[in-house]
Amino acid sequence: IKTDFKLKVLYDWDDHVVVKLPSTFSGKV
């Protein structure tokens, strides 16, 4: 799952999820 603001979420339909977020969100999440 990816957005135009570079958020990415990967899930393997089992037990592993990864979230990637650009540095523009540092200190805001």
mmCIF file of all heavy atoms, coordinates in Angstrom:
data_MODEL
# 
_entry.id   MODEL 
# 
loop_
_atom_site.group_PDB 
_atom_site.id 
_atom_site.type_symbol 
_atom_site.label_atom_id 
_atom_site.label_alt_id 
_atom_site.label_comp_id 
_atom_site.label_asym_id 
_atom_site.label_entity_id 
_atom_site.label_seq_id 
_atom_site.pdbx_PDB_ins_code 
_atom_site.Cartn_x 
_atom_site.Cartn_y 
_atom_site.Cartn_z 
_atom_site.occupancy 
_atom_site.B_iso_or_equiv 
_atom_site.pdbx_formal_charge 
_atom_site.auth_seq_id 
_atom_site.auth_comp_id 
_atom_site.auth_asym_id 
_atom_site.auth_atom_id 
_atom_site.pdbx_PDB_model_num 
ATOM 1   N N   . ILE A 1 1  ? 0.881  -1.167  0.000  1.00 0.00 ? 1  ILE A N   1 
ATOM 2   C CA  . ILE A 1 1  ? 0.000  0.000   0.000  1.00 0.00 ? 1  ILE A CA  1 
ATOM 3   C C   . ILE A 1 1  ? 0.914  1.211   0.000  1.00 0.00 ? 1  ILE A C   1 
ATOM 4   O O   . ILE A 1 1  ? 1.760  1.347   0.895  1.00 0.00 ? 1  ILE A O   1 
ATOM 5   C CB  . ILE A 1 1  ? -0.912 0.002   1.242  1.00 0.00 ? 1  ILE A CB  1 
ATOM 6   C CG1 . ILE A 1 1  ? -1.762 -1.271  1.281  1.00 0.00 ? 1  ILE A CG1 1 
ATOM 7   C CG2 . ILE A 1 1  ? -1.783 1.262   1.264  1.00 0.00 ? 1  ILE A CG2 1 
ATOM 8   C CD1 . ILE A 1 1  ? -2.451 -1.511  2.608  1.00 0.00 ? 1  ILE A CD1 1 
ATOM 9   N N   . LYS A 1 2  ? 0.778  2.069   -1.009 1.00 0.00 ? 2  LYS A N   1 
ATOM 10  C CA  . LYS A 1 2  ? 1.658  3.240   -1.065 1.00 0.00 ? 2  LYS A CA  1 
ATOM 11  C C   . LYS A 1 2  ? 0.866  4.479   -1.443 1.00 0.00 ? 2  LYS A C   1 
ATOM 12  O O   . LYS A 1 2  ? -0.111 4.420   -2.182 1.00 0.00 ? 2  LYS A O   1 
ATOM 13  C CB  . LYS A 1 2  ? 2.834  3.013   -2.013 1.00 0.00 ? 2  LYS A CB  1 
ATOM 14  C CG  . LYS A 1 2  ? 2.468  2.751   -3.442 1.00 0.00 ? 2  LYS A CG  1 
ATOM 15  C CD  . LYS A 1 2  ? 3.713  2.480   -4.265 1.00 0.00 ? 2  LYS A CD  1 
ATOM 16  C CE  . LYS A 1 2  ? 3.332  2.221   -5.709 1.00 0.00 ? 2  LYS A CE  1 
ATOM 17  N NZ  . LYS A 1 2  ? 4.510  2.038   -6.544 1.00 0.00 ? 2  LYS A NZ  1 
ATOM 18  N N   . THR A 1 3  ? 1.322  5.606   -0.883 1.00 0.00 ? 3  THR A N   1 
ATOM 19  C CA  . THR A 1 3  ? 0.656  6.883   -1.111 1.00 0.00 ? 3  THR A CA  1 
ATOM 20  C C   . THR A 1 3  ? 1.563  7.829   -1.887 1.00 0.00 ? 3  THR A C   1 
ATOM 21  O O   . THR A 1 3  ? 2.770  7.581   -2.008 1.00 0.00 ? 3  THR A O   1 
ATOM 22  C CB  . THR A 1 3  ? 0.291  7.569   0.221  1.00 0.00 ? 3  THR A CB  1 
ATOM 23  O OG1 . THR A 1 3  ? 1.507  7.975   0.867  1.00 0.00 ? 3  THR A OG1 1 
ATOM 24  C CG2 . THR A 1 3  ? -0.510 6.644   1.130  1.00 0.00 ? 3  THR A CG2 1 
ATOM 25  N N   . ASP A 1 4  ? 0.979  8.919   -2.348 1.00 0.00 ? 4  ASP A N   1 
ATOM 26  C CA  . ASP A 1 4  ? 1.746  9.939   -3.049 1.00 0.00 ? 4  ASP A CA  1 
ATOM 27  C C   . ASP A 1 4  ? 2.715  10.670  -2.132 1.00 0.00 ? 4  ASP A C   1 
ATOM 28  O O   . ASP A 1 4  ? 3.649  11.305  -2.591 1.00 0.00 ? 4  ASP A O   1 
ATOM 29  C CB  . ASP A 1 4  ? 0.812  10.926  -3.750 1.00 0.00 ? 4  ASP A CB  1 
ATOM 30  C CG  . ASP A 1 4  ? -0.065 11.703  -2.792 1.00 0.00 ? 4  ASP A CG  1 
ATOM 31  O OD1 . ASP A 1 4  ? -0.314 11.226  -1.651 1.00 0.00 ? 4  ASP A OD1 1 
ATOM 32  O OD2 . ASP A 1 4  ? -0.535 12.797  -3.171 1.00 0.00 ? 4  ASP A OD2 1 
ATOM 33  N N   . PHE A 1 5  ? 2.526  10.569  -0.785 1.00 0.00 ? 5  PHE A N   1 
ATOM 34  C CA  . PHE A 1 5  ? 3.469  11.231  0.132  1.00 0.00 ? 5  PHE A CA  1 
ATOM 35  C C   . PHE A 1 5  ? 4.508  10.253  0.673  1.00 0.00 ? 5  PHE A C   1 
ATOM 36  O O   . PHE A 1 5  ? 5.170  10.506  1.667  1.00 0.00 ? 5  PHE A O   1 
ATOM 37  C CB  . PHE A 1 5  ? 2.735  11.984  1.251  1.00 0.00 ? 5  PHE A CB  1 
ATOM 38  C CG  . PHE A 1 5  ? 1.842  11.136  2.130  1.00 0.00 ? 5  PHE A CG  1 
ATOM 39  C CD1 . PHE A 1 5  ? 2.340  10.519  3.263  1.00 0.00 ? 5  PHE A CD1 1 
ATOM 40  C CD2 . PHE A 1 5  ? 0.492  10.988  1.821  1.00 0.00 ? 5  PHE A CD2 1 
ATOM 41  C CE1 . PHE A 1 5  ? 1.519  9.762   4.080  1.00 0.00 ? 5  PHE A CE1 1 
ATOM 42  C CE2 . PHE A 1 5  ? -0.340 10.242  2.637  1.00 0.00 ? 5  PHE A CE2 1 
ATOM 43  C CZ  . PHE A 1 5  ? 0.174  9.621   3.769  1.00 0.00 ? 5  PHE A CZ  1 
ATOM 44  N N   . LYS A 1 6  ? 4.682  9.127   -0.014 1.00 0.00 ? 6  LYS A N   1 
ATOM 45  C CA  . LYS A 1 6  ? 5.755  8.155   0.211  1.00 0.00 ? 6  LYS A CA  1 
ATOM 46  C C   . LYS A 1 6  ? 5.589  7.278   1.446  1.00 0.00 ? 6  LYS A C   1 
ATOM 47  O O   . LYS A 1 6  ? 6.545  6.675   1.911  1.00 0.00 ? 6  LYS A O   1 
ATOM 48  C CB  . LYS A 1 6  ? 7.125  8.831   0.199  1.00 0.00 ? 6  LYS A CB  1 
ATOM 49  C CG  . LYS A 1 6  ? 7.423  9.487   -1.134 1.00 0.00 ? 6  LYS A CG  1 
ATOM 50  C CD  . LYS A 1 6  ? 8.769  10.146  -1.155 1.00 0.00 ? 6  LYS A CD  1 
ATOM 51  C CE  . LYS A 1 6  ? 8.954  10.837  -2.495 1.00 0.00 ? 6  LYS A CE  1 
ATOM 52  N NZ  . LYS A 1 6  ? 10.027 11.778  -2.472 1.00 0.00 ? 6  LYS A NZ  1 
ATOM 53  N N   . LEU A 1 7  ? 4.386  7.180   1.982  1.00 0.00 ? 7  LEU A N   1 
ATOM 54  C CA  . LEU A 1 7  ? 4.089  6.174   2.992  1.00 0.00 ? 7  LEU A CA  1 
ATOM 55  C C   . LEU A 1 7  ? 3.985  4.840   2.271  1.00 0.00 ? 7  LEU A C   1 
ATOM 56  O O   . LEU A 1 7  ? 3.359  4.742   1.219  1.00 0.00 ? 7  LEU A O   1 
ATOM 57  C CB  . LEU A 1 7  ? 2.758  6.484   3.683  1.00 0.00 ? 7  LEU A CB  1 
ATOM 58  C CG  . LEU A 1 7  ? 2.159  5.358   4.532  1.00 0.00 ? 7  LEU A CG  1 
ATOM 59  C CD1 . LEU A 1 7  ? 3.003  5.110   5.787  1.00 0.00 ? 7  LEU A CD1 1 
ATOM 60  C CD2 . LEU A 1 7  ? 0.728  5.686   4.917  1.00 0.00 ? 7  LEU A CD2 1 
ATOM 61  N N   . LYS A 1 8  ? 4.632  3.809   2.825  1.00 0.00 ? 8  LYS A N   1 
ATOM 62  C CA  . LYS A 1 8  ? 4.534  2.459   2.265  1.00 0.00 ? 8  LYS A CA  1 
ATOM 63  C C   . LYS A 1 8  ? 4.245  1.480   3.391  1.00 0.00 ? 8  LYS A C   1 
ATOM 64  O O   . LYS A 1 8  ? 4.874  1.537   4.451  1.00 0.00 ? 8  LYS A O   1 
ATOM 65  C CB  . LYS A 1 8  ? 5.832  2.052   1.572  1.00 0.00 ? 8  LYS A CB  1 
ATOM 66  C CG  . LYS A 1 8  ? 6.108  2.811   0.309  1.00 0.00 ? 8  LYS A CG  1 
ATOM 67  C CD  . LYS A 1 8  ? 7.361  2.302   -0.370 1.00 0.00 ? 8  LYS A CD  1 
ATOM 68  C CE  . LYS A 1 8  ? 7.622  3.082   -1.649 1.00 0.00 ? 8  LYS A CE  1 
ATOM 69  N NZ  . LYS A 1 8  ? 8.851  2.628   -2.310 1.00 0.00 ? 8  LYS A NZ  1 
ATOM 70  N N   . VAL A 1 9  ? 3.300  0.587   3.146  1.00 0.00 ? 9  VAL A N   1 
ATOM 71  C CA  . VAL A 1 9  ? 2.966  -0.464  4.094  1.00 0.00 ? 9  VAL A CA  1 
ATOM 72  C C   . VAL A 1 9  ? 3.016  -1.783  3.333  1.00 0.00 ? 9  VAL A C   1 
ATOM 73  O O   . VAL A 1 9  ? 2.363  -1.938  2.306  1.00 0.00 ? 9  VAL A O   1 
ATOM 74  C CB  . VAL A 1 9  ? 1.563  -0.269  4.701  1.00 0.00 ? 9  VAL A CB  1 
ATOM 75  C CG1 . VAL A 1 9  ? 1.247  -1.385  5.684  1.00 0.00 ? 9  VAL A CG1 1 
ATOM 76  C CG2 . VAL A 1 9  ? 1.460  1.100   5.372  1.00 0.00 ? 9  VAL A CG2 1 
ATOM 77  N N   . LEU A 1 10 ? 3.822  -2.721  3.829  1.00 0.00 ? 10 LEU A N   1 
ATOM 78  C CA  . LEU A 1 10 ? 3.903  -4.061  3.251  1.00 0.00 ? 10 LEU A CA  1 
ATOM 79  C C   . LEU A 1 10 ? 3.428  -5.067  4.291  1.00 0.00 ? 10 LEU A C   1 
ATOM 80  O O   . LEU A 1 10 ? 3.854  -4.998  5.451  1.00 0.00 ? 10 LEU A O   1 
ATOM 81  C CB  . LEU A 1 10 ? 5.350  -4.398  2.879  1.00 0.00 ? 10 LEU A CB  1 
ATOM 82  C CG  . LEU A 1 10 ? 5.878  -3.722  1.634  1.00 0.00 ? 10 LEU A CG  1 
ATOM 83  C CD1 . LEU A 1 10 ? 7.202  -3.066  1.936  1.00 0.00 ? 10 LEU A CD1 1 
ATOM 84  C CD2 . LEU A 1 10 ? 6.035  -4.753  0.545  1.00 0.00 ? 10 LEU A CD2 1 
ATOM 85  N N   . TYR A 1 11 ? 2.562  -5.989  3.862  1.00 0.00 ? 11 TYR A N   1 
ATOM 86  C CA  . TYR A 1 11 ? 2.082  -7.052  4.752  1.00 0.00 ? 11 TYR A CA  1 
ATOM 87  C C   . TYR A 1 11 ? 2.057  -8.337  3.939  1.00 0.00 ? 11 TYR A C   1 
ATOM 88  O O   . TYR A 1 11 ? 1.545  -8.360  2.821  1.00 0.00 ? 11 TYR A O   1 
ATOM 89  C CB  . TYR A 1 11 ? 0.695  -6.700  5.295  1.00 0.00 ? 11 TYR A CB  1 
ATOM 90  C CG  . TYR A 1 11 ? 0.063  -7.764  6.165  1.00 0.00 ? 11 TYR A CG  1 
ATOM 91  C CD1 . TYR A 1 11 ? 0.731  -8.298  7.260  1.00 0.00 ? 11 TYR A CD1 1 
ATOM 92  C CD2 . TYR A 1 11 ? -1.215 -8.221  5.895  1.00 0.00 ? 11 TYR A CD2 1 
ATOM 93  C CE1 . TYR A 1 11 ? 0.141  -9.265  8.066  1.00 0.00 ? 11 TYR A CE1 1 
ATOM 94  C CE2 . TYR A 1 11 ? -1.819 -9.177  6.697  1.00 0.00 ? 11 TYR A CE2 1 
ATOM 95  C CZ  . TYR A 1 11 ? -1.127 -9.705  7.775  1.00 0.00 ? 11 TYR A CZ  1 
ATOM 96  O OH  . TYR A 1 11 ? -1.722 -10.666 8.556  1.00 0.00 ? 11 TYR A OH  1 
ATOM 97  N N   . ASP A 1 12 ? 2.613  -9.408  4.505  1.00 0.00 ? 12 ASP A N   1 
ATOM 98  C CA  . ASP A 1 12 ? 2.759  -10.661 3.763  1.00 0.00 ? 12 ASP A CA  1 
ATOM 99  C C   . ASP A 1 12 ? 1.560  -11.601 3.889  1.00 0.00 ? 12 ASP A C   1 
ATOM 100 O O   . ASP A 1 12 ? 1.680  -12.788 3.596  1.00 0.00 ? 12 ASP A O   1 
ATOM 101 C CB  . ASP A 1 12 ? 4.039  -11.380 4.179  1.00 0.00 ? 12 ASP A CB  1 
ATOM 102 C CG  . ASP A 1 12 ? 3.998  -11.899 5.609  1.00 0.00 ? 12 ASP A CG  1 
ATOM 103 O OD1 . ASP A 1 12 ? 3.011  -11.633 6.338  1.00 0.00 ? 12 ASP A OD1 1 
ATOM 104 O OD2 . ASP A 1 12 ? 4.963  -12.582 6.006  1.00 0.00 ? 12 ASP A OD2 1 
ATOM 105 N N   . TRP A 1 13 ? 0.420  -11.074 4.291  1.00 0.00 ? 13 TRP A N   1 
ATOM 106 C CA  . TRP A 1 13 ? -0.798 -11.863 4.475  1.00 0.00 ? 13 TRP A CA  1 
ATOM 107 C C   . TRP A 1 13 ? -0.585 -12.977 5.500  1.00 0.00 ? 13 TRP A C   1 
ATOM 108 O O   . TRP A 1 13 ? -1.275 -13.978 5.497  1.00 0.00 ? 13 TRP A O   1 
ATOM 109 C CB  . TRP A 1 13 ? -1.304 -12.466 3.161  1.00 0.00 ? 13 TRP A CB  1 
ATOM 110 C CG  . TRP A 1 13 ? -2.056 -11.515 2.287  1.00 0.00 ? 13 TRP A CG  1 
ATOM 111 C CD1 . TRP A 1 13 ? -3.271 -10.969 2.540  1.00 0.00 ? 13 TRP A CD1 1 
ATOM 112 C CD2 . TRP A 1 13 ? -1.656 -11.012 1.013  1.00 0.00 ? 13 TRP A CD2 1 
ATOM 113 N NE1 . TRP A 1 13 ? -3.650 -10.159 1.498  1.00 0.00 ? 13 TRP A NE1 1 
ATOM 114 C CE2 . TRP A 1 13 ? -2.678 -10.171 0.553  1.00 0.00 ? 13 TRP A CE2 1 
ATOM 115 C CE3 . TRP A 1 13 ? -0.527 -11.201 0.229  1.00 0.00 ? 13 TRP A CE3 1 
ATOM 116 C CZ2 . TRP A 1 13 ? -2.607 -9.513  -0.663 1.00 0.00 ? 13 TRP A CZ2 1 
ATOM 117 C CZ3 . TRP A 1 13 ? -0.454 -10.544 -0.976 1.00 0.00 ? 13 TRP A CZ3 1 
ATOM 118 C CH2 . TRP A 1 13 ? -1.487 -9.703  -1.415 1.00 0.00 ? 13 TRP A CH2 1 
ATOM 119 N N   . ASP A 1 14 ? 0.395  -12.770 6.408  1.00 0.00 ? 14 ASP A N   1 
ATOM 120 C CA  . ASP A 1 14 ? 0.652  -13.805 7.415  1.00 0.00 ? 14 ASP A CA  1 
ATOM 121 C C   . ASP A 1 14 ? 1.042  -13.186 8.748  1.00 0.00 ? 14 ASP A C   1 
ATOM 122 O O   . ASP A 1 14 ? 0.204  -13.015 9.615  1.00 0.00 ? 14 ASP A O   1 
ATOM 123 C CB  . ASP A 1 14 ? 1.722  -14.777 6.930  1.00 0.00 ? 14 ASP A CB  1 
ATOM 124 C CG  . ASP A 1 14 ? 1.916  -15.949 7.878  1.00 0.00 ? 14 ASP A CG  1 
ATOM 125 O OD1 . ASP A 1 14 ? 0.982  -16.277 8.642  1.00 0.00 ? 14 ASP A OD1 1 
ATOM 126 O OD2 . ASP A 1 14 ? 3.013  -16.541 7.866  1.00 0.00 ? 14 ASP A OD2 1 
ATOM 127 N N   . ASP A 1 15 ? 2.324  -12.837 8.920  1.00 0.00 ? 15 ASP A N   1 
ATOM 128 C CA  . ASP A 1 15 ? 2.747  -12.368 10.244 1.00 0.00 ? 15 ASP A CA  1 
ATOM 129 C C   . ASP A 1 15 ? 3.841  -11.310 10.201 1.00 0.00 ? 15 ASP A C   1 
ATOM 130 O O   . ASP A 1 15 ? 4.505  -11.064 11.190 1.00 0.00 ? 15 ASP A O   1 
ATOM 131 C CB  . ASP A 1 15 ? 3.210  -13.550 11.100 1.00 0.00 ? 15 ASP A CB  1 
ATOM 132 C CG  . ASP A 1 15 ? 4.523  -14.162 10.621 1.00 0.00 ? 15 ASP A CG  1 
ATOM 133 O OD1 . ASP A 1 15 ? 4.981  -13.805 9.522  1.00 0.00 ? 15 ASP A OD1 1 
ATOM 134 O OD2 . ASP A 1 15 ? 5.082  -14.987 11.344 1.00 0.00 ? 15 ASP A OD2 1 
ATOM 135 N N   . HIS A 1 16 ? 4.034  -10.672 9.057  1.00 0.00 ? 16 HIS A N   1 
ATOM 136 C CA  . HIS A 1 16 ? 5.116  -9.693  8.936  1.00 0.00 ? 16 HIS A CA  1 
ATOM 137 C C   . HIS A 1 16 ? 4.582  -8.420  8.294  1.00 0.00 ? 16 HIS A C   1 
ATOM 138 O O   . HIS A 1 16 ? 4.075  -8.459  7.169  1.00 0.00 ? 16 HIS A O   1 
ATOM 139 C CB  . HIS A 1 16 ? 6.256  -10.273 8.092  1.00 0.00 ? 16 HIS A CB  1 
ATOM 140 C CG  . HIS A 1 16 ? 7.479  -9.420  8.053  1.00 0.00 ? 16 HIS A CG  1 
ATOM 141 N ND1 . HIS A 1 16 ? 8.352  -9.330  9.103  1.00 0.00 ? 16 HIS A ND1 1 
ATOM 142 C CD2 . HIS A 1 16 ? 7.955  -8.607  7.091  1.00 0.00 ? 16 HIS A CD2 1 
ATOM 143 C CE1 . HIS A 1 16 ? 9.337  -8.498  8.782  1.00 0.00 ? 16 HIS A CE1 1 
ATOM 144 N NE2 . HIS A 1 16 ? 9.110  -8.044  7.569  1.00 0.00 ? 16 HIS A NE2 1 
ATOM 145 N N   . VAL A 1 17 ? 4.684  -7.297  9.004  1.00 0.00 ? 17 VAL A N   1 
ATOM 146 C CA  . VAL A 1 17 ? 4.251  -6.009  8.470  1.00 0.00 ? 17 VAL A CA  1 
ATOM 147 C C   . VAL A 1 17 ? 5.400  -5.013  8.583  1.00 0.00 ? 17 VAL A C   1 
ATOM 148 O O   . VAL A 1 17 ? 6.123  -5.001  9.583  1.00 0.00 ? 17 VAL A O   1 
ATOM 149 C CB  . VAL A 1 17 ? 2.965  -5.486  9.175  1.00 0.00 ? 17 VAL A CB  1 
ATOM 150 C CG1 . VAL A 1 17 ? 3.184  -5.275  10.650 1.00 0.00 ? 17 VAL A CG1 1 
ATOM 151 C CG2 . VAL A 1 17 ? 2.446  -4.225  8.519  1.00 0.00 ? 17 VAL A CG2 1 
ATOM 152 N N   . VAL A 1 18 ? 5.581  -4.210  7.530  1.00 0.00 ? 18 VAL A N   1 
ATOM 153 C CA  . VAL A 1 18 ? 6.630  -3.196  7.483  1.00 0.00 ? 18 VAL A CA  1 
ATOM 154 C C   . VAL A 1 18 ? 5.974  -1.869  7.118  1.00 0.00 ? 18 VAL A C   1 
ATOM 155 O O   . VAL A 1 18 ? 5.148  -1.809  6.209  1.00 0.00 ? 18 VAL A O   1 
ATOM 156 C CB  . VAL A 1 18 ? 7.705  -3.539  6.423  1.00 0.00 ? 18 VAL A CB  1 
ATOM 157 C CG1 . VAL A 1 18 ? 8.742  -2.425  6.318  1.00 0.00 ? 18 VAL A CG1 1 
ATOM 158 C CG2 . VAL A 1 18 ? 8.365  -4.871  6.725  1.00 0.00 ? 18 VAL A CG2 1 
ATOM 159 N N   . VAL A 1 19 ? 6.356  -0.799  7.845  1.00 0.00 ? 19 VAL A N   1 
ATOM 160 C CA  . VAL A 1 19 ? 5.869  0.552   7.557  1.00 0.00 ? 19 VAL A CA  1 
ATOM 161 C C   . VAL A 1 19 ? 7.076  1.421   7.259  1.00 0.00 ? 19 VAL A C   1 
ATOM 162 O O   . VAL A 1 19 ? 8.017  1.471   8.057  1.00 0.00 ? 19 VAL A O   1 
ATOM 163 C CB  . VAL A 1 19 ? 5.082  1.138   8.751  1.00 0.00 ? 19 VAL A CB  1 
ATOM 164 C CG1 . VAL A 1 19 ? 4.633  2.560   8.435  1.00 0.00 ? 19 VAL A CG1 1 
ATOM 165 C CG2 . VAL A 1 19 ? 3.900  0.256   9.110  1.00 0.00 ? 19 VAL A CG2 1 
ATOM 166 N N   . LYS A 1 20 ? 7.051  2.107   6.114  1.00 0.00 ? 20 LYS A N   1 
ATOM 167 C CA  . LYS A 1 20 ? 8.117  3.043   5.742  1.00 0.00 ? 20 LYS A CA  1 
ATOM 168 C C   . LYS A 1 20 ? 7.494  4.429   5.628  1.00 0.00 ? 20 LYS A C   1 
ATOM 169 O O   . LYS A 1 20 ? 6.443  4.588   5.019  1.00 0.00 ? 20 LYS A O   1 
ATOM 170 C CB  . LYS A 1 20 ? 8.761  2.635   4.418  1.00 0.00 ? 20 LYS A CB  1 
ATOM 171 C CG  . LYS A 1 20 ? 9.503  1.309   4.515  1.00 0.00 ? 20 LYS A CG  1 
ATOM 172 C CD  . LYS A 1 20 ? 10.117 0.931   3.187  1.00 0.00 ? 20 LYS A CD  1 
ATOM 173 C CE  . LYS A 1 20 ? 10.874 -0.357  3.302  1.00 0.00 ? 20 LYS A CE  1 
ATOM 174 N NZ  . LYS A 1 20 ? 12.263 -0.184  3.652  1.00 0.00 ? 20 LYS A NZ  1 
ATOM 175 N N   . LEU A 1 21 ? 8.185  5.402   6.213  1.00 0.00 ? 21 LEU A N   1 
ATOM 176 C CA  . LEU A 1 21 ? 7.651  6.755   6.299  1.00 0.00 ? 21 LEU A CA  1 
ATOM 177 C C   . LEU A 1 21 ? 8.760  7.760   6.039  1.00 0.00 ? 21 LEU A C   1 
ATOM 178 O O   . LEU A 1 21 ? 9.861  7.621   6.574  1.00 0.00 ? 21 LEU A O   1 
ATOM 179 C CB  . LEU A 1 21 ? 7.089  6.946   7.712  1.00 0.00 ? 21 LEU A CB  1 
ATOM 180 C CG  . LEU A 1 21 ? 6.146  8.089   7.993  1.00 0.00 ? 21 LEU A CG  1 
ATOM 181 C CD1 . LEU A 1 21 ? 4.915  8.014   7.110  1.00 0.00 ? 21 LEU A CD1 1 
ATOM 182 C CD2 . LEU A 1 21 ? 5.729  8.051   9.449  1.00 0.00 ? 21 LEU A CD2 1 
ATOM 183 N N   . PRO A 1 22 ? 8.515  8.791   5.212  1.00 0.00 ? 22 PRO A N   1 
ATOM 184 C CA  . PRO A 1 22 ? 9.560  9.782   4.943  1.00 0.00 ? 22 PRO A CA  1 
ATOM 185 C C   . PRO A 1 22 ? 9.846  10.650  6.165  1.00 0.00 ? 22 PRO A C   1 
ATOM 186 O O   . PRO A 1 22 ? 9.014  10.808  7.060  1.00 0.00 ? 22 PRO A O   1 
ATOM 187 C CB  . PRO A 1 22 ? 8.993  10.611  3.795  1.00 0.00 ? 22 PRO A CB  1 
ATOM 188 C CG  . PRO A 1 22 ? 7.530  10.409  3.839  1.00 0.00 ? 22 PRO A CG  1 
ATOM 189 C CD  . PRO A 1 22 ? 7.294  9.059   4.457  1.00 0.00 ? 22 PRO A CD  1 
ATOM 190 N N   . SER A 1 23 ? 11.030 11.234  6.175  1.00 0.00 ? 23 SER A N   1 
ATOM 191 C CA  . SER A 1 23 ? 11.494 12.027  7.315  1.00 0.00 ? 23 SER A CA  1 
ATOM 192 C C   . SER A 1 23 ? 10.644 13.265  7.570  1.00 0.00 ? 23 SER A C   1 
ATOM 193 O O   . SER A 1 23 ? 10.707 13.837  8.656  1.00 0.00 ? 23 SER A O   1 
ATOM 194 C CB  . SER A 1 23 ? 12.955 12.444  7.104  1.00 0.00 ? 23 SER A CB  1 
ATOM 195 O OG  . SER A 1 23 ? 13.072 13.206  5.912  1.00 0.00 ? 23 SER A OG  1 
ATOM 196 N N   . THR A 1 24 ? 9.826  13.673  6.612  1.00 0.00 ? 24 THR A N   1 
ATOM 197 C CA  . THR A 1 24 ? 8.953  14.837  6.827  1.00 0.00 ? 24 THR A CA  1 
ATOM 198 C C   . THR A 1 24 ? 7.973  14.593  7.980  1.00 0.00 ? 24 THR A C   1 
ATOM 199 O O   . THR A 1 24 ? 7.440  15.536  8.541  1.00 0.00 ? 24 THR A O   1 
ATOM 200 C CB  . THR A 1 24 ? 8.151  15.175  5.552  1.00 0.00 ? 24 THR A CB  1 
ATOM 201 O OG1 . THR A 1 24 ? 7.518  13.990  5.074  1.00 0.00 ? 24 THR A OG1 1 
ATOM 202 C CG2 . THR A 1 24 ? 9.038  15.746  4.475  1.00 0.00 ? 24 THR A CG2 1 
ATOM 203 N N   . PHE A 1 25 ? 7.755  13.324  8.356  1.00 0.00 ? 25 PHE A N   1 
ATOM 204 C CA  . PHE A 1 25 ? 6.849  12.995  9.451  1.00 0.00 ? 25 PHE A CA  1 
ATOM 205 C C   . PHE A 1 25 ? 7.575  12.817  10.787 1.00 0.00 ? 25 PHE A C   1 
ATOM 206 O O   . PHE A 1 25 ? 6.944  12.510  11.790 1.00 0.00 ? 25 PHE A O   1 
ATOM 207 C CB  . PHE A 1 25 ? 6.047  11.724  9.125  1.00 0.00 ? 25 PHE A CB  1 
ATOM 208 C CG  . PHE A 1 25 ? 4.984  11.954  8.111  1.00 0.00 ? 25 PHE A CG  1 
ATOM 209 C CD1 . PHE A 1 25 ? 5.244  11.830  6.759  1.00 0.00 ? 25 PHE A CD1 1 
ATOM 210 C CD2 . PHE A 1 25 ? 3.700  12.316  8.495  1.00 0.00 ? 25 PHE A CD2 1 
ATOM 211 C CE1 . PHE A 1 25 ? 4.258  12.054  5.808  1.00 0.00 ? 25 PHE A CE1 1 
ATOM 212 C CE2 . PHE A 1 25 ? 2.703  12.545  7.564  1.00 0.00 ? 25 PHE A CE2 1 
ATOM 213 C CZ  . PHE A 1 25 ? 2.989  12.415  6.219  1.00 0.00 ? 25 PHE A CZ  1 
ATOM 214 N N   . SER A 1 26 ? 8.868  13.021  10.809 1.00 0.00 ? 26 SER A N   1 
ATOM 215 C CA  . SER A 1 26 ? 9.639  12.850  12.038 1.00 0.00 ? 26 SER A CA  1 
ATOM 216 C C   . SER A 1 26 ? 9.097  13.786  13.125 1.00 0.00 ? 26 SER A C   1 
ATOM 217 O O   . SER A 1 26 ? 8.933  14.984  12.911 1.00 0.00 ? 26 SER A O   1 
ATOM 218 C CB  . SER A 1 26 ? 11.120 13.155  11.775 1.00 0.00 ? 26 SER A CB  1 
ATOM 219 O OG  . SER A 1 26 ? 11.856 13.004  12.953 1.00 0.00 ? 26 SER A OG  1 
ATOM 220 N N   . GLY A 1 27 ? 8.798  13.213  14.301 1.00 0.00 ? 27 GLY A N   1 
ATOM 221 C CA  . GLY A 1 27 ? 8.281  13.981  15.410 1.00 0.00 ? 27 GLY A CA  1 
ATOM 222 C C   . GLY A 1 27 ? 6.806  14.310  15.309 1.00 0.00 ? 27 GLY A C   1 
ATOM 223 O O   . GLY A 1 27 ? 6.257  14.993  16.168 1.00 0.00 ? 27 GLY A O   1 
ATOM 224 N N   . LYS A 1 28 ? 6.141  13.810  14.265 1.00 0.00 ? 28 LYS A N   1 
ATOM 225 C CA  . LYS A 1 28 ? 4.720  14.132  14.071 1.00 0.00 ? 28 LYS A CA  1 
ATOM 226 C C   . LYS A 1 28 ? 3.818  12.899  14.122 1.00 0.00 ? 28 LYS A C   1 
ATOM 227 O O   . LYS A 1 28 ? 2.630  12.993  13.862 1.00 0.00 ? 28 LYS A O   1 
ATOM 228 C CB  . LYS A 1 28 ? 4.549  14.845  12.723 1.00 0.00 ? 28 LYS A CB  1 
ATOM 229 C CG  . LYS A 1 28 ? 5.242  16.201  12.706 1.00 0.00 ? 28 LYS A CG  1 
ATOM 230 C CD  . LYS A 1 28 ? 5.081  16.868  11.373 1.00 0.00 ? 28 LYS A CD  1 
ATOM 231 C CE  . LYS A 1 28 ? 5.576  18.259  11.262 1.00 0.00 ? 28 LYS A CE  1 
ATOM 232 N NZ  . LYS A 1 28 ? 6.613  18.731  12.080 1.00 0.00 ? 28 LYS A NZ  1 
ATOM 233 N N   . VAL A 1 29 ? 4.390  11.723  14.419 1.00 0.00 ? 29 VAL A N   1 
ATOM 234 C CA  . VAL A 1 29 ? 3.605  10.491  14.498 1.00 0.00 ? 29 VAL A CA  1 
ATOM 235 C C   . VAL A 1 29 ? 3.740  9.869   15.881 1.00 0.00 ? 29 VAL A C   1 
ATOM 236 O O   . VAL A 1 29 ? 4.657  10.186  16.640 1.00 0.00 ? 29 VAL A O   1 
ATOM 237 C CB  . VAL A 1 29 ? 4.035  9.463   13.427 1.00 0.00 ? 29 VAL A CB  1 
ATOM 238 C CG1 . VAL A 1 29 ? 3.747  9.996   12.024 1.00 0.00 ? 29 VAL A CG1 1 
ATOM 239 C CG2 . VAL A 1 29 ? 5.499  9.080   13.560 1.00 0.00 ? 29 VAL A CG2 1 
# 
